[in-house]
Amino acid sequence: MRHLEDNVEGLSGAELNGRALTMLSHAPEGAPVCAHPDLTQPINQRWETVATIGLDLPAGRLRVHRGGPCQVTEATWQTF
């Protein structure tokens, strides 16, 4: 939550890729916003960000990227 509160300005931008990259945090302390599984850990301790989403409420659209924000490109978004 602290990462998100510290980056409110970047999360308020109109550009979806920019907002997703603002979410990027691999910091080990606290809860990272972009988590990757540690395959050396037991299955119940392999934390992973499975989706990054963007909401366009006025247009009624949901955009989904499979995986964490560190892998976002314009081509990886699906629009619903």
PDB file of N, CA and C in Angstrom:
ATOM      1  N   MET A   1       0.823  -1.186   0.000  1.00  0.00           N
ATOM      2  CA  MET A   1       0.000   0.000   0.000  1.00  0.00           C
ATOM      3  C   MET A   1       0.875   1.259   0.000  1.00  0.00           C
ATOM      4  N   ARG A   2       1.985   1.176   0.733  1.00  0.00           N
ATOM      5  CA  ARG A   2       2.870   2.345   0.790  1.00  0.00           C
ATOM      6  C   ARG A   2       3.382   2.703  -0.607  1.00  0.00           C
ATOM      7  N   HIS A   3       3.760   1.693  -1.406  1.00  0.00           N
ATOM      8  CA  HIS A   3       4.240   1.954  -2.771  1.00  0.00           C
ATOM      9  C   HIS A   3       3.160   2.671  -3.582  1.00  0.00           C
ATOM     10  N   LEU A   4       1.931   2.224  -3.480  1.00  0.00           N
ATOM     11  CA  LEU A   4       0.843   2.833  -4.233  1.00  0.00           C
ATOM     12  C   LEU A   4       0.583   4.262  -3.772  1.00  0.00           C
ATOM     13  N   GLU A   5       0.578   4.478  -2.472  1.00  0.00           N
ATOM     14  CA  GLU A   5       0.370   5.833  -1.933  1.00  0.00           C
ATOM     15  C   GLU A   5       1.490   6.775  -2.359  1.00  0.00           C
ATOM     16  N   ASP A   6       2.714   6.273  -2.424  1.00  0.00           N
ATOM     17  CA  ASP A   6       3.857   7.095  -2.817  1.00  0.00           C
ATOM     18  C   ASP A   6       3.867   7.407  -4.307  1.00  0.00           C
ATOM     19  N   ASN A   7       3.066   6.718  -5.094  1.00  0.00           N
ATOM     20  CA  ASN A   7       3.078   6.883  -6.551  1.00  0.00           C
ATOM     21  C   ASN A   7       1.722   7.270  -7.125  1.00  0.00           C
ATOM     22  N   VAL A   8       0.930   7.984  -6.361  1.00  0.00           N
ATOM     23  CA  VAL A   8      -0.416   8.375  -6.793  1.00  0.00           C
ATOM     24  C   VAL A   8      -0.374   9.154  -8.113  1.00  0.00           C
ATOM     25  N   GLU A   9       0.586  10.050  -8.276  1.00  0.00           N
ATOM     26  CA  GLU A   9       0.653  10.858  -9.494  1.00  0.00           C
ATOM     27  C   GLU A   9       0.827   9.989 -10.737  1.00  0.00           C
ATOM     28  N   GLY A  10       1.744   9.028 -10.691  1.00  0.00           N
ATOM     29  CA  GLY A  10       1.966   8.134 -11.830  1.00  0.00           C
ATOM     30  C   GLY A  10       0.784   7.231 -12.107  1.00  0.00           C
ATOM     31  N   LEU A  11       0.042   6.890 -11.062  1.00  0.00           N
ATOM     32  CA  LEU A  11      -1.129   6.023 -11.231  1.00  0.00           C
ATOM     33  C   LEU A  11      -2.329   6.779 -11.774  1.00  0.00           C
ATOM     34  N   SER A  12      -2.244   8.103 -11.798  1.00  0.00           N
ATOM     35  CA  SER A  12      -3.360   8.927 -12.266  1.00  0.00           C
ATOM     36  C   SER A  12      -3.228   9.312 -13.730  1.00  0.00           C
ATOM     37  N   GLY A  13      -2.146   8.903 -14.387  1.00  0.00           N
ATOM     38  CA  GLY A  13      -1.920   9.269 -15.782  1.00  0.00           C
ATOM     39  C   GLY A  13      -2.908   8.599 -16.724  1.00  0.00           C
ATOM     40  N   ALA A  14      -3.051   9.174 -17.900  1.00  0.00           N
ATOM     41  CA  ALA A  14      -3.996   8.648 -18.890  1.00  0.00           C
ATOM     42  C   ALA A  14      -3.436   7.445 -19.649  1.00  0.00           C
ATOM     43  N   GLU A  15      -2.119   7.319 -19.712  1.00  0.00           N
ATOM     44  CA  GLU A  15      -1.486   6.272 -20.514  1.00  0.00           C
ATOM     45  C   GLU A  15      -1.376   4.979 -19.716  1.00  0.00           C
ATOM     46  N   LEU A  16      -1.977   3.915 -20.224  1.00  0.00           N
ATOM     47  CA  LEU A  16      -2.086   2.639 -19.508  1.00  0.00           C
ATOM     48  C   LEU A  16      -0.729   2.005 -19.222  1.00  0.00           C
ATOM     49  N   ASN A  17       0.177   1.974 -20.186  1.00  0.00           N
ATOM     50  CA  ASN A  17       1.491   1.378 -19.941  1.00  0.00           C
ATOM     51  C   ASN A  17       2.237   2.141 -18.852  1.00  0.00           C
ATOM     52  N   GLY A  18       2.119   3.454 -18.850  1.00  0.00           N
ATOM     53  CA  GLY A  18       2.760   4.259 -17.808  1.00  0.00           C
ATOM     54  C   GLY A  18       2.214   3.951 -16.427  1.00  0.00           C
ATOM     55  N   ARG A  19       0.904   3.783 -16.329  1.00  0.00           N
ATOM     56  CA  ARG A  19       0.300   3.425 -15.039  1.00  0.00           C
ATOM     57  C   ARG A  19       0.777   2.053 -14.587  1.00  0.00           C
ATOM     58  N   ALA A  20       0.846   1.104 -15.512  1.00  0.00           N
ATOM     59  CA  ALA A  20       1.291  -0.242 -15.152  1.00  0.00           C
ATOM     60  C   ALA A  20       2.740  -0.217 -14.672  1.00  0.00           C
ATOM     61  N   LEU A  21       3.594   0.533 -15.346  1.00  0.00           N
ATOM     62  CA  LEU A  21       4.997   0.599 -14.940  1.00  0.00           C
ATOM     63  C   LEU A  21       5.163   1.308 -13.600  1.00  0.00           C
ATOM     64  N   THR A  22       4.240   2.204 -13.262  1.00  0.00           N
ATOM     65  CA  THR A  22       4.259   2.842 -11.944  1.00  0.00           C
ATOM     66  C   THR A  22       4.005   1.801 -10.854  1.00  0.00           C
ATOM     67  N   MET A  23       3.262   0.762 -11.190  1.00  0.00           N
ATOM     68  CA  MET A  23       2.975  -0.311 -10.233  1.00  0.00           C
ATOM     69  C   MET A  23       4.197  -1.189  -9.981  1.00  0.00           C
ATOM     70  N   LEU A  24       5.212  -1.066 -10.810  1.00  0.00           N
ATOM     71  CA  LEU A  24       6.365  -1.951 -10.738  1.00  0.00           C
ATOM     72  C   LEU A  24       7.121  -1.773  -9.427  1.00  0.00           C
ATOM     73  N   SER A  25       7.239  -2.860  -8.691  1.00  0.00           N
ATOM     74  CA  SER A  25       8.033  -2.901  -7.463  1.00  0.00           C
ATOM     75  C   SER A  25       8.404  -4.346  -7.194  1.00  0.00           C
ATOM     76  N   HIS A  26       9.693  -4.609  -7.187  1.00  0.00           N
ATOM     77  CA  HIS A  26      10.171  -5.952  -6.868  1.00  0.00           C
ATOM     78  C   HIS A  26      10.786  -5.984  -5.476  1.00  0.00           C
ATOM     79  N   ALA A  27      10.549  -4.948  -4.691  1.00  0.00           N
ATOM     80  CA  ALA A  27      11.170  -4.824  -3.368  1.00  0.00           C
ATOM     81  C   ALA A  27      10.813  -6.005  -2.471  1.00  0.00           C
ATOM     82  N   PRO A  28      11.803  -6.599  -1.834  1.00  0.00           N
ATOM     83  CA  PRO A  28      11.536  -7.756  -0.970  1.00  0.00           C
ATOM     84  C   PRO A  28      10.836  -7.395   0.336  1.00  0.00           C
ATOM     85  N   GLU A  29      11.065  -6.182   0.843  1.00  0.00           N
ATOM     86  CA  GLU A  29      10.399  -5.809   2.085  1.00  0.00           C
ATOM     87  C   GLU A  29       8.946  -5.438   1.807  1.00  0.00           C
ATOM     88  N   GLY A  30       8.083  -5.723   2.726  1.00  0.00           N
ATOM     89  CA  GLY A  30       6.665  -5.469   2.492  1.00  0.00           C
ATOM     90  C   GLY A  30       6.139  -6.427   1.445  1.00  0.00           C
ATOM     91  N   ALA A  31       5.134  -6.021   0.728  1.00  0.00           N
ATOM     92  CA  ALA A  31       4.545  -6.856  -0.322  1.00  0.00           C
ATOM     93  C   ALA A  31       4.864  -6.230  -1.674  1.00  0.00           C
ATOM     94  N   PRO A  32       5.637  -6.895  -2.519  1.00  0.00           N
ATOM     95  CA  PRO A  32       5.924  -6.334  -3.837  1.00  0.00           C
ATOM     96  C   PRO A  32       4.659  -6.291  -4.689  1.00  0.00           C
ATOM     97  N   VAL A  33       4.611  -5.305  -5.552  1.00  0.00           N
ATOM     98  CA  VAL A  33       3.461  -5.177  -6.442  1.00  0.00           C
ATOM     99  C   VAL A  33       3.619  -6.108  -7.642  1.00  0.00           C
ATOM    100  N   CYS A  34       4.845  -6.454  -7.981  1.00  0.00           N
ATOM    101  CA  CYS A  34       5.122  -7.373  -9.077  1.00  0.00           C
ATOM    102  C   CYS A  34       5.926  -8.537  -8.505  1.00  0.00           C
ATOM    103  N   ALA A  35       5.282  -9.666  -8.321  1.00  0.00           N
ATOM    104  CA  ALA A  35       5.931 -10.811  -7.675  1.00  0.00           C
ATOM    105  C   ALA A  35       6.202 -11.922  -8.684  1.00  0.00           C
ATOM    106  N   HIS A  36       7.346 -12.553  -8.538  1.00  0.00           N
ATOM    107  CA  HIS A  36       7.732 -13.678  -9.387  1.00  0.00           C
ATOM    108  C   HIS A  36       7.973 -14.891  -8.493  1.00  0.00           C
ATOM    109  N   PRO A  37       7.549 -16.070  -8.933  1.00  0.00           N
ATOM    110  CA  PRO A  37       7.689 -17.249  -8.072  1.00  0.00           C
ATOM    111  C   PRO A  37       9.150 -17.647  -7.881  1.00  0.00           C
ATOM    112  N   ASP A  38       9.460 -18.027  -6.665  1.00  0.00           N
ATOM    113  CA  ASP A  38      10.770 -18.585  -6.347  1.00  0.00           C
ATOM    114  C   ASP A  38      10.610 -20.098  -6.411  1.00  0.00           C
ATOM    115  N   LEU A  39      11.084 -20.705  -7.486  1.00  0.00           N
ATOM    116  CA  LEU A  39      10.871 -22.129  -7.728  1.00  0.00           C
ATOM    117  C   LEU A  39      11.599 -23.025  -6.727  1.00  0.00           C
ATOM    118  N   THR A  40      12.451 -22.431  -5.897  1.00  0.00           N
ATOM    119  CA  THR A  40      13.110 -23.221  -4.857  1.00  0.00           C
ATOM    120  C   THR A  40      12.232 -23.381  -3.620  1.00  0.00           C
ATOM    121  N   GLN A  41      11.143 -22.631  -3.565  1.00  0.00           N
ATOM    122  CA  GLN A  41      10.237 -22.663  -2.417  1.00  0.00           C
ATOM    123  C   GLN A  41       9.137 -23.699  -2.628  1.00  0.00           C
ATOM    124  N   PRO A  42       8.509 -24.156  -1.542  1.00  0.00           N
ATOM    125  CA  PRO A  42       7.355 -25.057  -1.678  1.00  0.00           C
ATOM    126  C   PRO A  42       6.237 -24.352  -2.470  1.00  0.00           C
ATOM    127  N   ILE A  43       5.394 -25.117  -3.110  1.00  0.00           N
ATOM    128  CA  ILE A  43       4.343 -24.573  -3.983  1.00  0.00           C
ATOM    129  C   ILE A  43       3.473 -23.533  -3.277  1.00  0.00           C
ATOM    130  N   ASN A  44       3.227 -23.702  -1.982  1.00  0.00           N
ATOM    131  CA  ASN A  44       2.364 -22.754  -1.270  1.00  0.00           C
ATOM    132  C   ASN A  44       3.087 -21.471  -0.873  1.00  0.00           C
ATOM    133  N   GLN A  45       4.352 -21.323  -1.274  1.00  0.00           N
ATOM    134  CA  GLN A  45       5.099 -20.106  -0.979  1.00  0.00           C
ATOM    135  C   GLN A  45       5.685 -19.472  -2.242  1.00  0.00           C
ATOM    136  N   ARG A  46       5.157 -19.825  -3.385  1.00  0.00           N
ATOM    137  CA  ARG A  46       5.619 -19.270  -4.664  1.00  0.00           C
ATOM    138  C   ARG A  46       4.671 -18.153  -5.104  1.00  0.00           C
ATOM    139  N   TRP A  47       4.876 -16.983  -4.559  1.00  0.00           N
ATOM    140  CA  TRP A  47       4.005 -15.844  -4.857  1.00  0.00           C
ATOM    141  C   TRP A  47       4.252 -15.354  -6.273  1.00  0.00           C
ATOM    142  N   GLU A  48       3.167 -15.007  -6.979  1.00  0.00           N
ATOM    143  CA  GLU A  48       3.297 -14.560  -8.363  1.00  0.00           C
ATOM    144  C   GLU A  48       2.156 -13.616  -8.721  1.00  0.00           C
ATOM    145  N   THR A  49       2.484 -12.534  -9.396  1.00  0.00           N
ATOM    146  CA  THR A  49       1.468 -11.642  -9.944  1.00  0.00           C
ATOM    147  C   THR A  49       0.982 -12.280 -11.244  1.00  0.00           C
ATOM    148  N   VAL A  50      -0.281 -12.634 -11.304  1.00  0.00           N
ATOM    149  CA  VAL A  50      -0.789 -13.353 -12.474  1.00  0.00           C
ATOM    150  C   VAL A  50      -1.468 -12.437 -13.491  1.00  0.00           C
ATOM    151  N   ALA A  51      -1.844 -11.220 -13.089  1.00  0.00           N
ATOM    152  CA  ALA A  51      -2.493 -10.309 -14.029  1.00  0.00           C
ATOM    153  C   ALA A  51      -2.311  -8.866 -13.587  1.00  0.00           C
ATOM    154  N   THR A  52      -2.234  -7.996 -14.574  1.00  0.00           N
ATOM    155  CA  THR A  52      -2.238  -6.552 -14.368  1.00  0.00           C
ATOM    156  C   THR A  52      -3.460  -6.045 -15.111  1.00  0.00           C
ATOM    157  N   ILE A  53      -4.280  -5.250 -14.446  1.00  0.00           N
ATOM    158  CA  ILE A  53      -5.508  -4.794 -15.091  1.00  0.00           C
ATOM    159  C   ILE A  53      -5.573  -3.277 -15.142  1.00  0.00           C
ATOM    160  N   GLY A  54      -6.289  -2.784 -16.127  1.00  0.00           N
ATOM    161  CA  GLY A  54      -6.572  -1.362 -16.266  1.00  0.00           C
ATOM    162  C   GLY A  54      -8.050  -1.199 -16.535  1.00  0.00           C
ATOM    163  N   LEU A  55      -8.660  -0.268 -15.829  1.00  0.00           N
ATOM    164  CA  LEU A  55     -10.088  -0.005 -16.000  1.00  0.00           C
ATOM    165  C   LEU A  55     -10.295   1.321 -16.700  1.00  0.00           C
ATOM    166  N   ASP A  56     -11.145   1.330 -17.715  1.00  0.00           N
ATOM    167  CA  ASP A  56     -11.586   2.549 -18.381  1.00  0.00           C
ATOM    168  C   ASP A  56     -13.076   2.634 -18.114  1.00  0.00           C
ATOM    169  N   LEU A  57     -13.436   3.209 -16.979  1.00  0.00           N
ATOM    170  CA  LEU A  57     -14.840   3.231 -16.553  1.00  0.00           C
ATOM    171  C   LEU A  57     -15.743   4.014 -17.492  1.00  0.00           C
ATOM    172  N   PRO A  58     -15.355   5.218 -17.965  1.00  0.00           N
ATOM    173  CA  PRO A  58     -16.252   5.943 -18.878  1.00  0.00           C
ATOM    174  C   PRO A  58     -16.569   5.159 -20.157  1.00  0.00           C
ATOM    175  N   ALA A  59     -15.597   4.395 -20.660  1.00  0.00           N
ATOM    176  CA  ALA A  59     -15.804   3.622 -21.893  1.00  0.00           C
ATOM    177  C   ALA A  59     -16.342   2.228 -21.612  1.00  0.00           C
ATOM    178  N   GLY A  60     -16.376   1.834 -20.333  1.00  0.00           N
ATOM    179  CA  GLY A  60     -16.849   0.493 -19.996  1.00  0.00           C
ATOM    180  C   GLY A  60     -15.918  -0.597 -20.474  1.00  0.00           C
ATOM    181  N   ARG A  61     -14.597  -0.327 -20.412  1.00  0.00           N
ATOM    182  CA  ARG A  61     -13.612  -1.304 -20.887  1.00  0.00           C
ATOM    183  C   ARG A  61     -12.718  -1.782 -19.741  1.00  0.00           C
ATOM    184  N   LEU A  62     -12.334  -3.037 -19.851  1.00  0.00           N
ATOM    185  CA  LEU A  62     -11.377  -3.659 -18.954  1.00  0.00           C
ATOM    186  C   LEU A  62     -10.215  -4.126 -19.814  1.00  0.00           C
ATOM    187  N   ARG A  63      -9.001  -3.727 -19.446  1.00  0.00           N
ATOM    188  CA  ARG A  63      -7.818  -4.187 -20.173  1.00  0.00           C
ATOM    189  C   ARG A  63      -7.014  -5.063 -19.235  1.00  0.00           C
ATOM    190  N   VAL A  64      -6.576  -6.210 -19.744  1.00  0.00           N
ATOM    191  CA  VAL A  64      -5.881  -7.204 -18.931  1.00  0.00           C
ATOM    192  C   VAL A  64      -4.568  -7.594 -19.605  1.00  0.00           C
ATOM    193  N   HIS A  65      -3.515  -7.611 -18.803  1.00  0.00           N
ATOM    194  CA  HIS A  65      -2.204  -8.109 -19.233  1.00  0.00           C
ATOM    195  C   HIS A  65      -1.921  -9.345 -18.395  1.00  0.00           C
ATOM    196  N   ARG A  66      -1.568 -10.422 -19.031  1.00  0.00           N
ATOM    197  CA  ARG A  66      -1.244 -11.659 -18.317  1.00  0.00           C
ATOM    198  C   ARG A  66       0.164 -11.537 -17.739  1.00  0.00           C
ATOM    199  N   GLY A  67       0.261 -11.481 -16.417  1.00  0.00           N
ATOM    200  CA  GLY A  67       1.547 -11.348 -15.744  1.00  0.00           C
ATOM    201  C   GLY A  67       1.678 -10.015 -15.047  1.00  0.00           C
ATOM    202  N   GLY A  68       2.850  -9.792 -14.501  1.00  0.00           N
ATOM    203  CA  GLY A  68       3.115  -8.581 -13.735  1.00  0.00           C
ATOM    204  C   GLY A  68       3.410  -7.373 -14.604  1.00  0.00           C
ATOM    205  N   PRO A  69       3.421  -6.190 -13.998  1.00  0.00           N
ATOM    206  CA  PRO A  69       3.637  -4.966 -14.760  1.00  0.00           C
ATOM    207  C   PRO A  69       5.018  -4.851 -15.396  1.00  0.00           C
ATOM    208  N   CYS A  70       5.998  -5.614 -14.932  1.00  0.00           N
ATOM    209  CA  CYS A  70       7.338  -5.499 -15.521  1.00  0.00           C
ATOM    210  C   CYS A  70       7.395  -6.070 -16.933  1.00  0.00           C
ATOM    211  N   GLN A  71       6.363  -6.783 -17.362  1.00  0.00           N
ATOM    212  CA  GLN A  71       6.352  -7.394 -18.695  1.00  0.00           C
ATOM    213  C   GLN A  71       5.341  -6.742 -19.640  1.00  0.00           C
ATOM    214  N   VAL A  72       4.769  -5.632 -19.236  1.00  0.00           N
ATOM    215  CA  VAL A  72       3.735  -4.957 -20.034  1.00  0.00           C
ATOM    216  C   VAL A  72       4.327  -4.310 -21.283  1.00  0.00           C
ATOM    217  N   THR A  73       3.654  -4.522 -22.404  1.00  0.00           N
ATOM    218  CA  THR A  73       3.899  -3.759 -23.638  1.00  0.00           C
ATOM    219  C   THR A  73       2.523  -3.462 -24.228  1.00  0.00           C
ATOM    220  N   GLU A  74       2.467  -2.575 -25.175  1.00  0.00           N
ATOM    221  CA  GLU A  74       1.169  -2.253 -25.790  1.00  0.00           C
ATOM    222  C   GLU A  74       0.543  -3.503 -26.401  1.00  0.00           C
ATOM    223  N   ALA A  75       1.335  -4.416 -26.918  1.00  0.00           N
ATOM    224  CA  ALA A  75       0.826  -5.604 -27.597  1.00  0.00           C
ATOM    225  C   ALA A  75       0.324  -6.679 -26.629  1.00  0.00           C
ATOM    226  N   THR A  76       0.650  -6.590 -25.331  1.00  0.00           N
ATOM    227  CA  THR A  76       0.264  -7.655 -24.402  1.00  0.00           C
ATOM    228  C   THR A  76      -1.097  -7.434 -23.754  1.00  0.00           C
ATOM    229  N   TRP A  77      -1.715  -6.296 -23.994  1.00  0.00           N
ATOM    230  CA  TRP A  77      -3.022  -6.012 -23.392  1.00  0.00           C
ATOM    231  C   TRP A  77      -4.150  -6.660 -24.192  1.00  0.00           C
ATOM    232  N   GLN A  78      -5.112  -7.200 -23.496  1.00  0.00           N
ATOM    233  CA  GLN A  78      -6.370  -7.676 -24.096  1.00  0.00           C
ATOM    234  C   GLN A  78      -7.467  -6.738 -23.604  1.00  0.00           C
ATOM    235  N   THR A  79      -8.370  -6.373 -24.474  1.00  0.00           N
ATOM    236  CA  THR A  79      -9.439  -5.452 -24.118  1.00  0.00           C
ATOM    237  C   THR A  79     -10.782  -6.167 -24.107  1.00  0.00           C
ATOM    238  N   PHE A  80     -11.534  -5.948 -23.056  1.00  0.00           N
ATOM    239  CA  PHE A  80     -12.879  -6.540 -22.913  1.00  0.00           C
ATOM    240  C   PHE A  80     -13.887  -5.436 -22.703  1.00  0.00           C
TER     241      PHE A  80
END
